[in-house]
Amino acid sequence: MEPTQFLRAIEDALVTSLTSPVLPKLVAQLIGAVRSHPDLIANYCRHHVEPGWQALFAAAAKAREAGVIRSAPDLEVLRDILGGAIIHRLISRTGRPKETEEREWVRRLLNQVGFTAGASTDAYS
């Protein structure tokens, strides 16, 4: 596995999520339904959210074993860090997201959790 392929795939997936025109509203509605519709949220997470996390965890484990990324946090902590950051950005941002700005933010986020091939965020530019 090439470091640039691994990092680019994660980056592209996160940028796609952040630039989705419908995702901010969906996330806000899901957050609002957590207490009133717990079964709905559990089902949504099981079928739509968890498969993505499991794919990311599997790829991260392989990349770590191959030495293409620095040591990343515990996977459960990683889920909270990435998920919390993405959700916060989706629901707190105003205006239409710009892909270039979101890509730069995602690169900085990935750098913070150790998902870079080197010391700088442009290691896989």
PDB file of N, CA and C in Angstrom:
ATOM      1  N   MET A   1       0.849  -1.179   0.000  1.00  0.00           N
ATOM      2  CA  MET A   1       0.000   0.000   0.000  1.00  0.00           C
ATOM      3  C   MET A   1       0.892   1.239   0.000  1.00  0.00           C
ATOM      4  N   GLU A   2       0.653   2.098  -0.915  1.00  0.00           N
ATOM      5  CA  GLU A   2       1.392   3.352  -0.993  1.00  0.00           C
ATOM      6  C   GLU A   2       0.791   4.359  -0.011  1.00  0.00           C
ATOM      7  N   PRO A   3       1.624   5.103   0.696  1.00  0.00           N
ATOM      8  CA  PRO A   3       1.094   6.098   1.637  1.00  0.00           C
ATOM      9  C   PRO A   3       0.173   7.102   0.959  1.00  0.00           C
ATOM     10  N   THR A   4       0.528   7.534  -0.229  1.00  0.00           N
ATOM     11  CA  THR A   4      -0.300   8.538  -0.891  1.00  0.00           C
ATOM     12  C   THR A   4      -1.677   7.996  -1.245  1.00  0.00           C
ATOM     13  N   GLN A   5      -1.771   6.722  -1.610  1.00  0.00           N
ATOM     14  CA  GLN A   5      -3.072   6.124  -1.937  1.00  0.00           C
ATOM     15  C   GLN A   5      -3.958   6.054  -0.697  1.00  0.00           C
ATOM     16  N   PHE A   6      -3.397   5.588   0.395  1.00  0.00           N
ATOM     17  CA  PHE A   6      -4.147   5.471   1.642  1.00  0.00           C
ATOM     18  C   PHE A   6      -4.651   6.843   2.102  1.00  0.00           C
ATOM     19  N   LEU A   7      -3.731   7.791   2.167  1.00  0.00           N
ATOM     20  CA  LEU A   7      -4.091   9.121   2.646  1.00  0.00           C
ATOM     21  C   LEU A   7      -5.075   9.821   1.715  1.00  0.00           C
ATOM     22  N   ARG A   8      -4.879   9.682   0.427  1.00  0.00           N
ATOM     23  CA  ARG A   8      -5.769  10.337  -0.538  1.00  0.00           C
ATOM     24  C   ARG A   8      -7.186   9.759  -0.442  1.00  0.00           C
ATOM     25  N   ALA A   9      -7.311   8.457  -0.248  1.00  0.00           N
ATOM     26  CA  ALA A   9      -8.639   7.839  -0.147  1.00  0.00           C
ATOM     27  C   ALA A   9      -9.386   8.364   1.079  1.00  0.00           C
ATOM     28  N   ILE A  10      -8.702   8.454   2.206  1.00  0.00           N
ATOM     29  CA  ILE A  10      -9.340   8.982   3.411  1.00  0.00           C
ATOM     30  C   ILE A  10      -9.687  10.460   3.220  1.00  0.00           C
ATOM     31  N   GLU A  11      -8.738  11.199   2.700  1.00  0.00           N
ATOM     32  CA  GLU A  11      -8.963  12.626   2.468  1.00  0.00           C
ATOM     33  C   GLU A  11     -10.165  12.848   1.550  1.00  0.00           C
ATOM     34  N   ASP A  12     -10.210  12.126   0.444  1.00  0.00           N
ATOM     35  CA  ASP A  12     -11.309  12.303  -0.513  1.00  0.00           C
ATOM     36  C   ASP A  12     -12.661  11.967   0.116  1.00  0.00           C
ATOM     37  N   ALA A  13     -12.709  10.909   0.903  1.00  0.00           N
ATOM     38  CA  ALA A  13     -13.971  10.523   1.542  1.00  0.00           C
ATOM     39  C   ALA A  13     -14.447  11.611   2.510  1.00  0.00           C
ATOM     40  N   LEU A  14     -13.531  12.156   3.291  1.00  0.00           N
ATOM     41  CA  LEU A  14     -13.914  13.197   4.248  1.00  0.00           C
ATOM     42  C   LEU A  14     -14.306  14.486   3.539  1.00  0.00           C
ATOM     43  N   VAL A  15     -13.584  14.857   2.494  1.00  0.00           N
ATOM     44  CA  VAL A  15     -13.925  16.072   1.737  1.00  0.00           C
ATOM     45  C   VAL A  15     -15.291  15.912   1.078  1.00  0.00           C
ATOM     46  N   THR A  16     -15.567  14.725   0.547  1.00  0.00           N
ATOM     47  CA  THR A  16     -16.880  14.466  -0.055  1.00  0.00           C
ATOM     48  C   THR A  16     -17.983  14.661   0.979  1.00  0.00           C
ATOM     49  N   SER A  17     -17.768  14.157   2.177  1.00  0.00           N
ATOM     50  CA  SER A  17     -18.761  14.334   3.243  1.00  0.00           C
ATOM     51  C   SER A  17     -18.933  15.803   3.592  1.00  0.00           C
ATOM     52  N   LEU A  18     -17.834  16.517   3.725  1.00  0.00           N
ATOM     53  CA  LEU A  18     -17.902  17.916   4.138  1.00  0.00           C
ATOM     54  C   LEU A  18     -18.490  18.839   3.078  1.00  0.00           C
ATOM     55  N   THR A  19     -18.434  18.435   1.833  1.00  0.00           N
ATOM     56  CA  THR A  19     -18.977  19.290   0.770  1.00  0.00           C
ATOM     57  C   THR A  19     -20.357  18.832   0.299  1.00  0.00           C
ATOM     58  N   SER A  20     -20.896  17.807   0.931  1.00  0.00           N
ATOM     59  CA  SER A  20     -22.232  17.334   0.592  1.00  0.00           C
ATOM     60  C   SER A  20     -23.265  18.400   0.962  1.00  0.00           C
ATOM     61  N   PRO A  21     -24.160  18.737   0.040  1.00  0.00           N
ATOM     62  CA  PRO A  21     -25.163  19.754   0.368  1.00  0.00           C
ATOM     63  C   PRO A  21     -26.242  19.254   1.337  1.00  0.00           C
ATOM     64  N   VAL A  22     -26.444  17.952   1.441  1.00  0.00           N
ATOM     65  CA  VAL A  22     -27.511  17.429   2.296  1.00  0.00           C
ATOM     66  C   VAL A  22     -27.012  16.942   3.657  1.00  0.00           C
ATOM     67  N   LEU A  23     -25.757  16.642   3.778  1.00  0.00           N
ATOM     68  CA  LEU A  23     -25.257  16.044   5.017  1.00  0.00           C
ATOM     69  C   LEU A  23     -25.385  16.948   6.244  1.00  0.00           C
ATOM     70  N   PRO A  24     -25.127  18.247   6.159  1.00  0.00           N
ATOM     71  CA  PRO A  24     -25.298  19.056   7.376  1.00  0.00           C
ATOM     72  C   PRO A  24     -26.713  18.989   7.954  1.00  0.00           C
ATOM     73  N   LYS A  25     -27.724  19.048   7.108  1.00  0.00           N
ATOM     74  CA  LYS A  25     -29.114  18.968   7.589  1.00  0.00           C
ATOM     75  C   LYS A  25     -29.406  17.584   8.165  1.00  0.00           C
ATOM     76  N   LEU A  26     -28.943  16.542   7.475  1.00  0.00           N
ATOM     77  CA  LEU A  26     -29.171  15.181   7.952  1.00  0.00           C
ATOM     78  C   LEU A  26     -28.529  14.967   9.313  1.00  0.00           C
ATOM     79  N   VAL A  27     -27.292  15.398   9.471  1.00  0.00           N
ATOM     80  CA  VAL A  27     -26.595  15.232  10.747  1.00  0.00           C
ATOM     81  C   VAL A  27     -27.322  15.989  11.858  1.00  0.00           C
ATOM     82  N   ALA A  28     -27.741  17.220  11.579  1.00  0.00           N
ATOM     83  CA  ALA A  28     -28.470  17.993  12.594  1.00  0.00           C
ATOM     84  C   ALA A  28     -29.766  17.284  12.987  1.00  0.00           C
ATOM     85  N   GLN A  29     -30.486  16.731  12.007  1.00  0.00           N
ATOM     86  CA  GLN A  29     -31.728  16.010  12.305  1.00  0.00           C
ATOM     87  C   GLN A  29     -31.456  14.741  13.107  1.00  0.00           C
ATOM     88  N   LEU A  30     -30.391  14.039  12.759  1.00  0.00           N
ATOM     89  CA  LEU A  30     -30.044  12.832  13.509  1.00  0.00           C
ATOM     90  C   LEU A  30     -29.683  13.151  14.949  1.00  0.00           C
ATOM     91  N   ILE A  31     -28.914  14.204  15.145  1.00  0.00           N
ATOM     92  CA  ILE A  31     -28.559  14.603  16.505  1.00  0.00           C
ATOM     93  C   ILE A  31     -29.822  14.942  17.298  1.00  0.00           C
ATOM     94  N   GLY A  32     -30.753  15.639  16.656  1.00  0.00           N
ATOM     95  CA  GLY A  32     -32.004  15.989  17.317  1.00  0.00           C
ATOM     96  C   GLY A  32     -32.870  14.785  17.655  1.00  0.00           C
ATOM     97  N   ALA A  33     -32.681  13.684  16.943  1.00  0.00           N
ATOM     98  CA  ALA A  33     -33.503  12.490  17.155  1.00  0.00           C
ATOM     99  C   ALA A  33     -32.875  11.477  18.111  1.00  0.00           C
ATOM    100  N   VAL A  34     -31.694  11.762  18.608  1.00  0.00           N
ATOM    101  CA  VAL A  34     -30.986  10.791  19.448  1.00  0.00           C
ATOM    102  C   VAL A  34     -31.824  10.354  20.647  1.00  0.00           C
ATOM    103  N   ARG A  35     -32.413  11.285  21.363  1.00  0.00           N
ATOM    104  CA  ARG A  35     -33.187  10.945  22.571  1.00  0.00           C
ATOM    105  C   ARG A  35     -34.596  10.467  22.257  1.00  0.00           C
ATOM    106  N   SER A  36     -35.217  11.030  21.243  1.00  0.00           N
ATOM    107  CA  SER A  36     -36.615  10.679  20.970  1.00  0.00           C
ATOM    108  C   SER A  36     -36.775   9.432  20.104  1.00  0.00           C
ATOM    109  N   HIS A  37     -35.773   9.075  19.322  1.00  0.00           N
ATOM    110  CA  HIS A  37     -35.851   7.912  18.433  1.00  0.00           C
ATOM    111  C   HIS A  37     -34.561   7.092  18.487  1.00  0.00           C
ATOM    112  N   PRO A  38     -34.224   6.545  19.639  1.00  0.00           N
ATOM    113  CA  PRO A  38     -32.949   5.828  19.763  1.00  0.00           C
ATOM    114  C   PRO A  38     -32.836   4.621  18.830  1.00  0.00           C
ATOM    115  N   ASP A  39     -33.933   3.937  18.552  1.00  0.00           N
ATOM    116  CA  ASP A  39     -33.871   2.781  17.654  1.00  0.00           C
ATOM    117  C   ASP A  39     -33.547   3.206  16.225  1.00  0.00           C
ATOM    118  N   LEU A  40     -34.104   4.318  15.798  1.00  0.00           N
ATOM    119  CA  LEU A  40     -33.812   4.849  14.471  1.00  0.00           C
ATOM    120  C   LEU A  40     -32.329   5.182  14.344  1.00  0.00           C
ATOM    121  N   ILE A  41     -31.801   5.849  15.349  1.00  0.00           N
ATOM    122  CA  ILE A  41     -30.386   6.249  15.327  1.00  0.00           C
ATOM    123  C   ILE A  41     -29.494   5.012  15.360  1.00  0.00           C
ATOM    124  N   ALA A  42     -29.819   4.051  16.191  1.00  0.00           N
ATOM    125  CA  ALA A  42     -29.016   2.828  16.262  1.00  0.00           C
ATOM    126  C   ALA A  42     -29.010   2.099  14.923  1.00  0.00           C
ATOM    127  N   ASN A  43     -30.159   2.013  14.292  1.00  0.00           N
ATOM    128  CA  ASN A  43     -30.259   1.362  12.988  1.00  0.00           C
ATOM    129  C   ASN A  43     -29.454   2.114  11.930  1.00  0.00           C
ATOM    130  N   TYR A  44     -29.587   3.442  11.908  1.00  0.00           N
ATOM    131  CA  TYR A  44     -28.837   4.259  10.948  1.00  0.00           C
ATOM    132  C   TYR A  44     -27.332   4.060  11.144  1.00  0.00           C
ATOM    133  N   CYS A  45     -26.895   4.118  12.387  1.00  0.00           N
ATOM    134  CA  CYS A  45     -25.468   3.937  12.670  1.00  0.00           C
ATOM    135  C   CYS A  45     -24.983   2.549  12.268  1.00  0.00           C
ATOM    136  N   ARG A  46     -25.756   1.538  12.594  1.00  0.00           N
ATOM    137  CA  ARG A  46     -25.375   0.165  12.285  1.00  0.00           C
ATOM    138  C   ARG A  46     -25.229  -0.056  10.783  1.00  0.00           C
ATOM    139  N   HIS A  47     -26.134   0.496  10.008  1.00  0.00           N
ATOM    140  CA  HIS A  47     -26.147   0.226   8.565  1.00  0.00           C
ATOM    141  C   HIS A  47     -25.419   1.251   7.714  1.00  0.00           C
ATOM    142  N   HIS A  48     -25.240   2.483   8.212  1.00  0.00           N
ATOM    143  CA  HIS A  48     -24.647   3.522   7.373  1.00  0.00           C
ATOM    144  C   HIS A  48     -23.334   4.088   7.917  1.00  0.00           C
ATOM    145  N   VAL A  49     -23.207   4.161   9.212  1.00  0.00           N
ATOM    146  CA  VAL A  49     -22.015   4.767   9.796  1.00  0.00           C
ATOM    147  C   VAL A  49     -20.944   3.722  10.106  1.00  0.00           C
ATOM    148  N   GLU A  50     -21.334   2.677  10.789  1.00  0.00           N
ATOM    149  CA  GLU A  50     -20.374   1.677  11.247  1.00  0.00           C
ATOM    150  C   GLU A  50     -19.591   1.000  10.104  1.00  0.00           C
ATOM    151  N   PRO A  51     -20.204   0.654   8.980  1.00  0.00           N
ATOM    152  CA  PRO A  51     -19.408   0.056   7.899  1.00  0.00           C
ATOM    153  C   PRO A  51     -18.260   0.964   7.424  1.00  0.00           C
ATOM    154  N   GLY A  52     -18.496   2.259   7.399  1.00  0.00           N
ATOM    155  CA  GLY A  52     -17.435   3.189   7.016  1.00  0.00           C
ATOM    156  C   GLY A  52     -16.303   3.211   8.022  1.00  0.00           C
ATOM    157  N   TRP A  53     -16.669   3.210   9.313  1.00  0.00           N
ATOM    158  CA  TRP A  53     -15.629   3.182  10.345  1.00  0.00           C
ATOM    159  C   TRP A  53     -14.829   1.894  10.282  1.00  0.00           C
ATOM    160  N   GLN A  54     -15.512   0.775  10.086  1.00  0.00           N
ATOM    161  CA  GLN A  54     -14.792  -0.503  10.033  1.00  0.00           C
ATOM    162  C   GLN A  54     -13.825  -0.553   8.849  1.00  0.00           C
ATOM    163  N   ALA A  55     -14.232  -0.001   7.715  1.00  0.00           N
ATOM    164  CA  ALA A  55     -13.335   0.046   6.550  1.00  0.00           C
ATOM    165  C   ALA A  55     -12.129   0.936   6.852  1.00  0.00           C
ATOM    166  N   LEU A  56     -12.360   2.078   7.497  1.00  0.00           N
ATOM    167  CA  LEU A  56     -11.258   2.966   7.855  1.00  0.00           C
ATOM    168  C   LEU A  56     -10.322   2.292   8.846  1.00  0.00           C
ATOM    169  N   PHE A  57     -10.878   1.612   9.854  1.00  0.00           N
ATOM    170  CA  PHE A  57     -10.053   0.943  10.845  1.00  0.00           C
ATOM    171  C   PHE A  57      -9.196  -0.147  10.211  1.00  0.00           C
ATOM    172  N   ALA A  58      -9.778  -0.920   9.303  1.00  0.00           N
ATOM    173  CA  ALA A  58      -9.028  -1.988   8.638  1.00  0.00           C
ATOM    174  C   ALA A  58      -7.892  -1.404   7.798  1.00  0.00           C
ATOM    175  N   ALA A  59      -8.194  -0.343   7.062  1.00  0.00           N
ATOM    176  CA  ALA A  59      -7.163   0.289   6.239  1.00  0.00           C
ATOM    177  C   ALA A  59      -6.076   0.900   7.113  1.00  0.00           C
ATOM    178  N   ALA A  60      -6.467   1.525   8.223  1.00  0.00           N
ATOM    179  CA  ALA A  60      -5.489   2.140   9.114  1.00  0.00           C
ATOM    180  C   ALA A  60      -4.581   1.087   9.740  1.00  0.00           C
ATOM    181  N   ALA A  61      -5.149  -0.037  10.132  1.00  0.00           N
ATOM    182  CA  ALA A  61      -4.332  -1.107  10.714  1.00  0.00           C
ATOM    183  C   ALA A  61      -3.316  -1.627   9.701  1.00  0.00           C
ATOM    184  N   LYS A  62      -3.743  -1.836   8.467  1.00  0.00           N
ATOM    185  CA  LYS A  62      -2.821  -2.304   7.422  1.00  0.00           C
ATOM    186  C   LYS A  62      -1.748  -1.269   7.131  1.00  0.00           C
ATOM    187  N   ALA A  63      -2.143  -0.011   7.073  1.00  0.00           N
ATOM    188  CA  ALA A  63      -1.178   1.053   6.796  1.00  0.00           C
ATOM    189  C   ALA A  63      -0.173   1.194   7.935  1.00  0.00           C
ATOM    190  N   ARG A  64      -0.644   1.047   9.161  1.00  0.00           N
ATOM    191  CA  ARG A  64       0.252   1.126  10.314  1.00  0.00           C
ATOM    192  C   ARG A  64       1.237  -0.035  10.294  1.00  0.00           C
ATOM    193  N   GLU A  65       0.741  -1.236  10.018  1.00  0.00           N
ATOM    194  CA  GLU A  65       1.610  -2.420   9.944  1.00  0.00           C
ATOM    195  C   GLU A  65       2.655  -2.284   8.839  1.00  0.00           C
ATOM    196  N   ALA A  66       2.252  -1.674   7.729  1.00  0.00           N
ATOM    197  CA  ALA A  66       3.169  -1.495   6.602  1.00  0.00           C
ATOM    198  C   ALA A  66       4.108  -0.313   6.815  1.00  0.00           C
ATOM    199  N   GLY A  67       3.883   0.452   7.884  1.00  0.00           N
ATOM    200  CA  GLY A  67       4.746   1.575   8.192  1.00  0.00           C
ATOM    201  C   GLY A  67       4.512   2.804   7.334  1.00  0.00           C
ATOM    202  N   VAL A  68       3.329   2.908   6.730  1.00  0.00           N
ATOM    203  CA  VAL A  68       3.078   4.051   5.855  1.00  0.00           C
ATOM    204  C   VAL A  68       2.408   5.219   6.568  1.00  0.00           C
ATOM    205  N   ILE A  69       2.001   5.009   7.820  1.00  0.00           N
ATOM    206  CA  ILE A  69       1.509   6.122   8.631  1.00  0.00           C
ATOM    207  C   ILE A  69       2.171   6.036   9.992  1.00  0.00           C
ATOM    208  N   ARG A  70       2.251   7.179  10.641  1.00  0.00           N
ATOM    209  CA  ARG A  70       2.761   7.189  12.003  1.00  0.00           C
ATOM    210  C   ARG A  70       1.742   6.504  12.893  1.00  0.00           C
ATOM    211  N   SER A  71       2.130   6.236  14.090  1.00  0.00           N
ATOM    212  CA  SER A  71       1.220   5.633  15.052  1.00  0.00           C
ATOM    213  C   SER A  71       0.000   6.525  15.239  1.00  0.00           C
ATOM    214  N   ALA A  72      -1.166   5.953  15.103  1.00  0.00           N
ATOM    215  CA  ALA A  72      -2.417   6.685  15.285  1.00  0.00           C
ATOM    216  C   ALA A  72      -2.987   6.365  16.662  1.00  0.00           C
ATOM    217  N   PRO A  73      -3.904   7.185  17.153  1.00  0.00           N
ATOM    218  CA  PRO A  73      -4.513   6.899  18.451  1.00  0.00           C
ATOM    219  C   PRO A  73      -5.287   5.579  18.436  1.00  0.00           C
ATOM    220  N   ASP A  74      -5.638   5.127  19.595  1.00  0.00           N
ATOM    221  CA  ASP A  74      -6.534   3.988  19.739  1.00  0.00           C
ATOM    222  C   ASP A  74      -7.721   4.197  18.803  1.00  0.00           C
ATOM    223  N   LEU A  75      -8.199   3.124  18.177  1.00  0.00           N
ATOM    224  CA  LEU A  75      -9.237   3.253  17.157  1.00  0.00           C
ATOM    225  C   LEU A  75     -10.540   3.845  17.685  1.00  0.00           C
ATOM    226  N   GLU A  76     -10.910   3.521  18.910  1.00  0.00           N
ATOM    227  CA  GLU A  76     -12.120   4.114  19.472  1.00  0.00           C
ATOM    228  C   GLU A  76     -11.932   5.609  19.703  1.00  0.00           C
ATOM    229  N   VAL A  77     -10.746   6.001  20.148  1.00  0.00           N
ATOM    230  CA  VAL A  77     -10.447   7.419  20.325  1.00  0.00           C
ATOM    231  C   VAL A  77     -10.398   8.099  18.963  1.00  0.00           C
ATOM    232  N   LEU A  78      -9.811   7.427  17.989  1.00  0.00           N
ATOM    233  CA  LEU A  78      -9.748   7.978  16.635  1.00  0.00           C
ATOM    234  C   LEU A  78     -11.146   8.243  16.091  1.00  0.00           C
ATOM    235  N   ARG A  79     -12.066   7.321  16.325  1.00  0.00           N
ATOM    236  CA  ARG A  79     -13.461   7.504  15.886  1.00  0.00           C
ATOM    237  C   ARG A  79     -14.049   8.772  16.502  1.00  0.00           C
ATOM    238  N   ASP A  80     -13.823   8.962  17.805  1.00  0.00           N
ATOM    239  CA  ASP A  80     -14.363  10.140  18.478  1.00  0.00           C
ATOM    240  C   ASP A  80     -13.724  11.425  17.966  1.00  0.00           C
ATOM    241  N   ILE A  81     -12.419  11.401  17.763  1.00  0.00           N
ATOM    242  CA  ILE A  81     -11.723  12.600  17.290  1.00  0.00           C
ATOM    243  C   ILE A  81     -12.209  12.979  15.892  1.00  0.00           C
ATOM    244  N   LEU A  82     -12.144  12.035  14.966  1.00  0.00           N
ATOM    245  CA  LEU A  82     -12.543  12.329  13.582  1.00  0.00           C
ATOM    246  C   LEU A  82     -14.041  12.611  13.482  1.00  0.00           C
ATOM    247  N   GLY A  83     -14.846  11.747  14.096  1.00  0.00           N
ATOM    248  CA  GLY A  83     -16.298  11.927  14.024  1.00  0.00           C
ATOM    249  C   GLY A  83     -16.734  13.237  14.642  1.00  0.00           C
ATOM    250  N   GLY A  84     -16.204  13.551  15.811  1.00  0.00           N
ATOM    251  CA  GLY A  84     -16.565  14.801  16.473  1.00  0.00           C
ATOM    252  C   GLY A  84     -16.149  16.017  15.661  1.00  0.00           C
ATOM    253  N   ALA A  85     -14.951  15.974  15.101  1.00  0.00           N
ATOM    254  CA  ALA A  85     -14.471  17.103  14.298  1.00  0.00           C
ATOM    255  C   ALA A  85     -15.326  17.291  13.049  1.00  0.00           C
ATOM    256  N   ILE A  86     -15.653  16.201  12.379  1.00  0.00           N
ATOM    257  CA  ILE A  86     -16.459  16.290  11.148  1.00  0.00           C
ATOM    258  C   ILE A  86     -17.873  16.786  11.472  1.00  0.00           C
ATOM    259  N   ILE A  87     -18.486  16.218  12.499  1.00  0.00           N
ATOM    260  CA  ILE A  87     -19.840  16.642  12.872  1.00  0.00           C
ATOM    261  C   ILE A  87     -19.842  18.120  13.263  1.00  0.00           C
ATOM    262  N   HIS A  88     -18.883  18.525  14.071  1.00  0.00           N
ATOM    263  CA  HIS A  88     -18.817  19.925  14.478  1.00  0.00           C
ATOM    264  C   HIS A  88     -18.697  20.831  13.264  1.00  0.00           C
ATOM    265  N   ARG A  89     -17.831  20.467  12.343  1.00  0.00           N
ATOM    266  CA  ARG A  89     -17.636  21.307  11.144  1.00  0.00           C
ATOM    267  C   ARG A  89     -18.911  21.352  10.305  1.00  0.00           C
ATOM    268  N   LEU A  90     -19.587  20.218  10.164  1.00  0.00           N
ATOM    269  CA  LEU A  90     -20.803  20.178   9.354  1.00  0.00           C
ATOM    270  C   LEU A  90     -21.909  21.068   9.910  1.00  0.00           C
ATOM    271  N   ILE A  91     -22.090  21.057  11.222  1.00  0.00           N
ATOM    272  CA  ILE A  91     -23.243  21.768  11.778  1.00  0.00           C
ATOM    273  C   ILE A  91     -22.930  23.186  12.233  1.00  0.00           C
ATOM    274  N   SER A  92     -21.664  23.548  12.354  1.00  0.00           N
ATOM    275  CA  SER A  92     -21.348  24.892  12.835  1.00  0.00           C
ATOM    276  C   SER A  92     -20.948  25.855  11.722  1.00  0.00           C
ATOM    277  N   ARG A  93     -20.661  25.342  10.571  1.00  0.00           N
ATOM    278  CA  ARG A  93     -20.198  26.171   9.459  1.00  0.00           C
ATOM    279  C   ARG A  93     -21.390  26.846   8.785  1.00  0.00           C
ATOM    280  N   THR A  94     -21.179  28.043   8.280  1.00  0.00           N
ATOM    281  CA  THR A  94     -22.225  28.734   7.533  1.00  0.00           C
ATOM    282  C   THR A  94     -21.770  28.896   6.086  1.00  0.00           C
ATOM    283  N   GLY A  95     -22.720  29.051   5.200  1.00  0.00           N
ATOM    284  CA  GLY A  95     -22.399  29.224   3.784  1.00  0.00           C
ATOM    285  C   GLY A  95     -22.055  27.907   3.107  1.00  0.00           C
ATOM    286  N   ARG A  96     -21.851  27.988   1.821  1.00  0.00           N
ATOM    287  CA  ARG A  96     -21.482  26.800   1.042  1.00  0.00           C
ATOM    288  C   ARG A  96     -20.018  26.474   1.254  1.00  0.00           C
ATOM    289  N   PRO A  97     -19.734  25.215   1.526  1.00  0.00           N
ATOM    290  CA  PRO A  97     -18.325  24.846   1.708  1.00  0.00           C
ATOM    291  C   PRO A  97     -17.569  24.898   0.381  1.00  0.00           C
ATOM    292  N   LYS A  98     -16.312  25.292   0.458  1.00  0.00           N
ATOM    293  CA  LYS A  98     -15.440  25.318  -0.713  1.00  0.00           C
ATOM    294  C   LYS A  98     -14.510  24.112  -0.629  1.00  0.00           C
ATOM    295  N   GLU A  99     -14.458  23.344  -1.699  1.00  0.00           N
ATOM    296  CA  GLU A  99     -13.665  22.110  -1.671  1.00  0.00           C
ATOM    297  C   GLU A  99     -12.215  22.364  -1.285  1.00  0.00           C
ATOM    298  N   THR A 100     -11.608  23.414  -1.807  1.00  0.00           N
ATOM    299  CA  THR A 100     -10.198  23.658  -1.491  1.00  0.00           C
ATOM    300  C   THR A 100      -9.992  23.934  -0.001  1.00  0.00           C
ATOM    301  N   GLU A 101     -10.902  24.694   0.606  1.00  0.00           N
ATOM    302  CA  GLU A 101     -10.788  24.976   2.035  1.00  0.00           C
ATOM    303  C   GLU A 101     -11.030  23.713   2.867  1.00  0.00           C
ATOM    304  N   GLU A 102     -12.013  22.917   2.465  1.00  0.00           N
ATOM    305  CA  GLU A 102     -12.307  21.687   3.205  1.00  0.00           C
ATOM    306  C   GLU A 102     -11.150  20.695   3.084  1.00  0.00           C
ATOM    307  N   ARG A 103     -10.542  20.617   1.916  1.00  0.00           N
ATOM    308  CA  ARG A 103      -9.411  19.704   1.713  1.00  0.00           C
ATOM    309  C   ARG A 103      -8.240  20.109   2.604  1.00  0.00           C
ATOM    310  N   GLU A 104      -7.961  21.387   2.676  1.00  0.00           N
ATOM    311  CA  GLU A 104      -6.869  21.856   3.540  1.00  0.00           C
ATOM    312  C   GLU A 104      -7.176  21.550   4.996  1.00  0.00           C
ATOM    313  N   TRP A 105      -8.419  21.757   5.423  1.00  0.00           N
ATOM    314  CA  TRP A 105      -8.807  21.462   6.803  1.00  0.00           C
ATOM    315  C   TRP A 105      -8.675  19.968   7.094  1.00  0.00           C
ATOM    316  N   VAL A 106      -9.118  19.134   6.151  1.00  0.00           N
ATOM    317  CA  VAL A 106      -9.025  17.687   6.328  1.00  0.00           C
ATOM    318  C   VAL A 106      -7.557  17.265   6.437  1.00  0.00           C
ATOM    319  N   ARG A 107      -6.701  17.833   5.642  1.00  0.00           N
ATOM    320  CA  ARG A 107      -5.270  17.498   5.724  1.00  0.00           C
ATOM    321  C   ARG A 107      -4.706  17.858   7.089  1.00  0.00           C
ATOM    322  N   ARG A 108      -5.102  19.006   7.619  1.00  0.00           N
ATOM    323  CA  ARG A 108      -4.640  19.388   8.947  1.00  0.00           C
ATOM    324  C   ARG A 108      -5.189  18.440  10.013  1.00  0.00           C
ATOM    325  N   LEU A 109      -6.455  18.051   9.877  1.00  0.00           N
ATOM    326  CA  LEU A 109      -7.063  17.105  10.809  1.00  0.00           C
ATOM    327  C   LEU A 109      -6.327  15.769  10.771  1.00  0.00           C
ATOM    328  N   LEU A 110      -6.098  15.244   9.575  1.00  0.00           N
ATOM    329  CA  LEU A 110      -5.405  13.961   9.449  1.00  0.00           C
ATOM    330  C   LEU A 110      -3.994  14.034  10.010  1.00  0.00           C
ATOM    331  N   ASN A 111      -3.338  15.151   9.820  1.00  0.00           N
ATOM    332  CA  ASN A 111      -2.002  15.334  10.381  1.00  0.00           C
ATOM    333  C   ASN A 111      -2.042  15.252  11.906  1.00  0.00           C
ATOM    334  N   GLN A 112      -3.081  15.819  12.515  1.00  0.00           N
ATOM    335  CA  GLN A 112      -3.195  15.817  13.971  1.00  0.00           C
ATOM    336  C   GLN A 112      -3.352  14.423  14.558  1.00  0.00           C
ATOM    337  N   VAL A 113      -3.954  13.499  13.804  1.00  0.00           N
ATOM    338  CA  VAL A 113      -4.144  12.137  14.317  1.00  0.00           C
ATOM    339  C   VAL A 113      -3.066  11.181  13.825  1.00  0.00           C
ATOM    340  N   GLY A 114      -2.045  11.717  13.177  1.00  0.00           N
ATOM    341  CA  GLY A 114      -0.920  10.879  12.764  1.00  0.00           C
ATOM    342  C   GLY A 114      -1.073  10.250  11.398  1.00  0.00           C
ATOM    343  N   PHE A 115      -2.074  10.657  10.643  1.00  0.00           N
ATOM    344  CA  PHE A 115      -2.292  10.083   9.317  1.00  0.00           C
ATOM    345  C   PHE A 115      -1.578  10.893   8.250  1.00  0.00           C
ATOM    346  N   THR A 116      -0.280  10.973   8.380  1.00  0.00           N
ATOM    347  CA  THR A 116       0.519  11.616   7.334  1.00  0.00           C
ATOM    348  C   THR A 116       1.724  10.747   7.078  1.00  0.00           C
ATOM    349  N   ALA A 117       2.221  10.825   5.877  1.00  0.00           N
ATOM    350  CA  ALA A 117       3.387  10.035   5.512  1.00  0.00           C
ATOM    351  C   ALA A 117       4.669  10.678   6.020  1.00  0.00           C
ATOM    352  N   GLY A 118       4.605  11.931   6.369  1.00  0.00           N
ATOM    353  CA  GLY A 118       5.776  12.652   6.838  1.00  0.00           C
ATOM    354  C   GLY A 118       5.386  13.697   7.853  1.00  0.00           C
ATOM    355  N   ALA A 119       6.256  14.648   8.066  1.00  0.00           N
ATOM    356  CA  ALA A 119       6.018  15.644   9.101  1.00  0.00           C
ATOM    357  C   ALA A 119       5.095  16.774   8.671  1.00  0.00           C
ATOM    358  N   SER A 120       4.902  16.966   7.373  1.00  0.00           N
ATOM    359  CA  SER A 120       4.079  18.095   6.940  1.00  0.00           C
ATOM    360  C   SER A 120       2.803  17.643   6.276  1.00  0.00           C
ATOM    361  N   THR A 121       1.832  18.557   6.212  1.00  0.00           N
ATOM    362  CA  THR A 121       0.553  18.217   5.598  1.00  0.00           C
ATOM    363  C   THR A 121       0.663  18.105   4.098  1.00  0.00           C
ATOM    364  N   ASP A 122       1.730  18.614   3.498  1.00  0.00           N
ATOM    365  CA  ASP A 122       1.862  18.494   2.052  1.00  0.00           C
ATOM    366  C   ASP A 122       2.646  17.247   1.655  1.00  0.00           C
ATOM    367  N   ALA A 123       2.820  16.321   2.595  1.00  0.00           N
ATOM    368  CA  ALA A 123       3.554  15.088   2.299  1.00  0.00           C
ATOM    369  C   ALA A 123       2.859  14.245   1.244  1.00  0.00           C
ATOM    370  N   TYR A 124       1.580  14.457   1.065  1.00  0.00           N
ATOM    371  CA  TYR A 124       0.860  13.677   0.049  1.00  0.00           C
ATOM    372  C   TYR A 124       0.101  14.571  -0.901  1.00  0.00           C
ATOM    373  N   SER A 125       0.512  15.796  -1.064  1.00  0.00           N
ATOM    374  CA  SER A 125      -0.135  16.736  -1.986  1.00  0.00           C
ATOM    375  C   SER A 125       0.158  16.363  -3.421  1.00  0.00           C
TER     376      SER A 125
END
